Protein backbone atom coordinates (compact mmCIF):
# COMPACT_ATOMS: atom_id res chain seq x y z
CA UNK A 1 0.00 0.00 0.00
CA UNK A 2 1.66 3.13 -1.17
CA UNK A 3 0.38 6.64 -1.58
CA UNK A 4 2.54 9.32 -3.11
CA UNK A 5 3.25 12.43 -1.09
CA UNK A 6 2.64 10.85 2.33
CA UNK A 7 5.64 11.45 4.54
CA UNK A 8 6.60 10.36 7.99
CA UNK A 9 9.73 10.72 10.08
CA UNK A 10 12.36 8.07 10.59
CA UNK A 11 13.89 7.43 14.01
CA UNK A 12 16.74 9.71 12.97
CA UNK A 13 14.25 12.50 12.17
CA UNK A 14 14.59 12.27 8.39
CA UNK A 15 11.51 12.57 6.18
CA UNK A 16 10.64 9.32 4.43
CA UNK A 17 7.74 8.00 2.42
CA UNK A 18 5.24 5.97 4.46
CA UNK A 19 4.69 2.53 2.93
CA UNK A 20 2.81 0.65 5.66
CA UNK A 21 -0.37 2.21 7.04
CA UNK A 22 -1.51 -0.71 9.20
CA UNK A 23 -0.27 0.88 12.41
CA UNK A 24 -1.39 4.44 11.60
CA UNK A 25 -4.07 5.95 13.89
CA UNK A 26 -5.84 7.66 10.96
CA UNK A 27 -5.90 6.78 7.27
CA UNK A 28 -7.48 8.30 4.21
CA UNK A 29 -10.54 6.69 2.72
CA UNK A 30 -8.46 5.59 -0.26
CA UNK A 31 -5.87 3.85 1.91
CA UNK A 32 -8.62 2.13 3.95
CA UNK A 33 -10.26 0.96 0.73
CA UNK A 34 -6.92 -0.44 -0.46
CA UNK A 35 -6.37 -2.19 2.88
CA UNK A 36 -9.73 -3.95 2.61
CA UNK A 37 -9.69 -4.46 -1.16
CA UNK A 38 -12.89 -2.43 -1.62
CA UNK A 39 -13.78 0.56 -3.74
CA UNK A 40 -13.48 4.12 -2.45
CA UNK A 41 -17.24 4.54 -3.03
CA UNK A 42 -18.03 1.70 -0.62
CA UNK A 43 -15.85 3.24 2.10
CA UNK A 44 -17.36 6.68 1.54
CA UNK A 45 -20.83 5.17 1.92
CA UNK A 46 -19.81 3.41 5.12
CA UNK A 47 -18.48 6.68 6.55
CA UNK A 48 -21.59 8.63 5.57
CA UNK A 49 -23.84 6.02 7.19
CA UNK A 50 -21.66 5.67 10.32
CA UNK A 51 -20.52 2.08 9.74
CA UNK A 52 -16.85 2.88 10.39
CA UNK A 53 -15.38 5.48 12.78
CA UNK A 54 -14.12 8.64 11.17
CA UNK A 55 -12.90 12.09 12.10
CA UNK A 56 -12.93 15.34 10.17
CA UNK A 57 -9.58 17.07 9.78
CA UNK A 58 -9.99 20.36 8.00
CA UNK A 59 -12.19 19.67 5.02
CA UNK A 60 -11.30 15.96 4.80
CA UNK A 61 -12.90 13.07 6.61
CA UNK A 62 -10.49 10.24 7.43
CA UNK A 63 -11.01 6.78 8.92
CA UNK A 64 -10.18 6.48 12.62
CA UNK A 65 -8.22 3.26 12.34
CA UNK A 66 -7.22 3.42 16.01
CA UNK A 67 -10.88 3.31 17.12
CA UNK A 68 -11.65 0.60 14.55
CA UNK A 69 -8.80 -1.59 15.90
CA UNK A 70 -9.75 -0.86 19.52
CA UNK A 71 -13.34 -1.98 18.92
CA UNK A 72 -12.18 -5.14 17.17
CA UNK A 73 -9.76 -5.91 20.03
CA UNK A 74 -12.73 -5.64 22.43
CA UNK A 75 -14.62 -8.26 20.42
CA UNK A 76 -16.68 -6.18 17.99
CA UNK A 77 -17.23 -8.25 14.86
CA UNK A 78 -20.29 -6.63 13.30
CA UNK A 79 -20.26 -3.03 12.13
CA UNK A 80 -23.70 -1.57 11.29
CA UNK A 81 -25.05 1.72 10.01
CA UNK A 82 -25.28 4.24 12.82
CA UNK A 83 -22.58 2.69 15.03
CA UNK A 84 -20.44 5.80 14.63
CA UNK A 85 -22.98 8.36 13.48
CA UNK A 86 -22.43 10.77 16.40
CA UNK A 87 -18.69 11.20 15.71
C-alpha atoms as a PDB file:
ATOM      1  CA  UNK A   1       0.000   0.000   0.000  1.00  0.00           C
ATOM      2  CA  UNK A   2       1.656   3.130  -1.169  1.00  0.00           C
ATOM      3  CA  UNK A   3       0.376   6.641  -1.575  1.00  0.00           C
ATOM      4  CA  UNK A   4       2.538   9.318  -3.114  1.00  0.00           C
ATOM      5  CA  UNK A   5       3.247  12.427  -1.093  1.00  0.00           C
ATOM      6  CA  UNK A   6       2.641  10.853   2.332  1.00  0.00           C
ATOM      7  CA  UNK A   7       5.645  11.453   4.538  1.00  0.00           C
ATOM      8  CA  UNK A   8       6.598  10.359   7.989  1.00  0.00           C
ATOM      9  CA  UNK A   9       9.734  10.716  10.081  1.00  0.00           C
ATOM     10  CA  UNK A  10      12.359   8.067  10.592  1.00  0.00           C
ATOM     11  CA  UNK A  11      13.886   7.434  14.009  1.00  0.00           C
ATOM     12  CA  UNK A  12      16.738   9.709  12.967  1.00  0.00           C
ATOM     13  CA  UNK A  13      14.254  12.497  12.167  1.00  0.00           C
ATOM     14  CA  UNK A  14      14.591  12.273   8.391  1.00  0.00           C
ATOM     15  CA  UNK A  15      11.508  12.570   6.179  1.00  0.00           C
ATOM     16  CA  UNK A  16      10.640   9.320   4.427  1.00  0.00           C
ATOM     17  CA  UNK A  17       7.736   7.995   2.423  1.00  0.00           C
ATOM     18  CA  UNK A  18       5.238   5.974   4.456  1.00  0.00           C
ATOM     19  CA  UNK A  19       4.686   2.528   2.931  1.00  0.00           C
ATOM     20  CA  UNK A  20       2.808   0.647   5.662  1.00  0.00           C
ATOM     21  CA  UNK A  21      -0.368   2.214   7.036  1.00  0.00           C
ATOM     22  CA  UNK A  22      -1.509  -0.705   9.197  1.00  0.00           C
ATOM     23  CA  UNK A  23      -0.266   0.883  12.413  1.00  0.00           C
ATOM     24  CA  UNK A  24      -1.389   4.442  11.605  1.00  0.00           C
ATOM     25  CA  UNK A  25      -4.072   5.949  13.886  1.00  0.00           C
ATOM     26  CA  UNK A  26      -5.842   7.665  10.963  1.00  0.00           C
ATOM     27  CA  UNK A  27      -5.897   6.783   7.274  1.00  0.00           C
ATOM     28  CA  UNK A  28      -7.484   8.302   4.211  1.00  0.00           C
ATOM     29  CA  UNK A  29     -10.543   6.691   2.720  1.00  0.00           C
ATOM     30  CA  UNK A  30      -8.457   5.595  -0.262  1.00  0.00           C
ATOM     31  CA  UNK A  31      -5.868   3.849   1.914  1.00  0.00           C
ATOM     32  CA  UNK A  32      -8.616   2.134   3.953  1.00  0.00           C
ATOM     33  CA  UNK A  33     -10.264   0.960   0.728  1.00  0.00           C
ATOM     34  CA  UNK A  34      -6.919  -0.441  -0.461  1.00  0.00           C
ATOM     35  CA  UNK A  35      -6.372  -2.191   2.877  1.00  0.00           C
ATOM     36  CA  UNK A  36      -9.733  -3.953   2.608  1.00  0.00           C
ATOM     37  CA  UNK A  37      -9.691  -4.456  -1.158  1.00  0.00           C
ATOM     38  CA  UNK A  38     -12.889  -2.432  -1.616  1.00  0.00           C
ATOM     39  CA  UNK A  39     -13.782   0.559  -3.740  1.00  0.00           C
ATOM     40  CA  UNK A  40     -13.484   4.117  -2.455  1.00  0.00           C
ATOM     41  CA  UNK A  41     -17.237   4.536  -3.031  1.00  0.00           C
ATOM     42  CA  UNK A  42     -18.032   1.695  -0.617  1.00  0.00           C
ATOM     43  CA  UNK A  43     -15.846   3.236   2.097  1.00  0.00           C
ATOM     44  CA  UNK A  44     -17.358   6.681   1.538  1.00  0.00           C
ATOM     45  CA  UNK A  45     -20.831   5.168   1.917  1.00  0.00           C
ATOM     46  CA  UNK A  46     -19.807   3.410   5.119  1.00  0.00           C
ATOM     47  CA  UNK A  47     -18.478   6.678   6.550  1.00  0.00           C
ATOM     48  CA  UNK A  48     -21.589   8.626   5.566  1.00  0.00           C
ATOM     49  CA  UNK A  49     -23.835   6.021   7.190  1.00  0.00           C
ATOM     50  CA  UNK A  50     -21.656   5.671  10.319  1.00  0.00           C
ATOM     51  CA  UNK A  51     -20.521   2.084   9.738  1.00  0.00           C
ATOM     52  CA  UNK A  52     -16.848   2.876  10.394  1.00  0.00           C
ATOM     53  CA  UNK A  53     -15.380   5.476  12.782  1.00  0.00           C
ATOM     54  CA  UNK A  54     -14.123   8.645  11.172  1.00  0.00           C
ATOM     55  CA  UNK A  55     -12.905  12.089  12.103  1.00  0.00           C
ATOM     56  CA  UNK A  56     -12.925  15.337  10.167  1.00  0.00           C
ATOM     57  CA  UNK A  57      -9.579  17.066   9.781  1.00  0.00           C
ATOM     58  CA  UNK A  58      -9.988  20.360   8.004  1.00  0.00           C
ATOM     59  CA  UNK A  59     -12.195  19.667   5.021  1.00  0.00           C
ATOM     60  CA  UNK A  60     -11.301  15.965   4.805  1.00  0.00           C
ATOM     61  CA  UNK A  61     -12.897  13.069   6.605  1.00  0.00           C
ATOM     62  CA  UNK A  62     -10.486  10.238   7.432  1.00  0.00           C
ATOM     63  CA  UNK A  63     -11.011   6.784   8.921  1.00  0.00           C
ATOM     64  CA  UNK A  64     -10.176   6.482  12.622  1.00  0.00           C
ATOM     65  CA  UNK A  65      -8.224   3.265  12.336  1.00  0.00           C
ATOM     66  CA  UNK A  66      -7.222   3.422  16.012  1.00  0.00           C
ATOM     67  CA  UNK A  67     -10.884   3.309  17.123  1.00  0.00           C
ATOM     68  CA  UNK A  68     -11.650   0.599  14.551  1.00  0.00           C
ATOM     69  CA  UNK A  69      -8.799  -1.587  15.898  1.00  0.00           C
ATOM     70  CA  UNK A  70      -9.747  -0.863  19.524  1.00  0.00           C
ATOM     71  CA  UNK A  71     -13.345  -1.976  18.920  1.00  0.00           C
ATOM     72  CA  UNK A  72     -12.178  -5.143  17.166  1.00  0.00           C
ATOM     73  CA  UNK A  73      -9.764  -5.911  20.032  1.00  0.00           C
ATOM     74  CA  UNK A  74     -12.730  -5.637  22.429  1.00  0.00           C
ATOM     75  CA  UNK A  75     -14.619  -8.259  20.419  1.00  0.00           C
ATOM     76  CA  UNK A  76     -16.683  -6.178  17.986  1.00  0.00           C
ATOM     77  CA  UNK A  77     -17.230  -8.252  14.860  1.00  0.00           C
ATOM     78  CA  UNK A  78     -20.290  -6.634  13.302  1.00  0.00           C
ATOM     79  CA  UNK A  79     -20.265  -3.025  12.127  1.00  0.00           C
ATOM     80  CA  UNK A  80     -23.699  -1.567  11.294  1.00  0.00           C
ATOM     81  CA  UNK A  81     -25.049   1.724  10.007  1.00  0.00           C
ATOM     82  CA  UNK A  82     -25.279   4.236  12.816  1.00  0.00           C
ATOM     83  CA  UNK A  83     -22.584   2.687  15.034  1.00  0.00           C
ATOM     84  CA  UNK A  84     -20.443   5.804  14.633  1.00  0.00           C
ATOM     85  CA  UNK A  85     -22.984   8.362  13.478  1.00  0.00           C
ATOM     86  CA  UNK A  86     -22.426  10.768  16.398  1.00  0.00           C
ATOM     87  CA  UNK A  87     -18.694  11.204  15.709  1.00  0.00           C
END
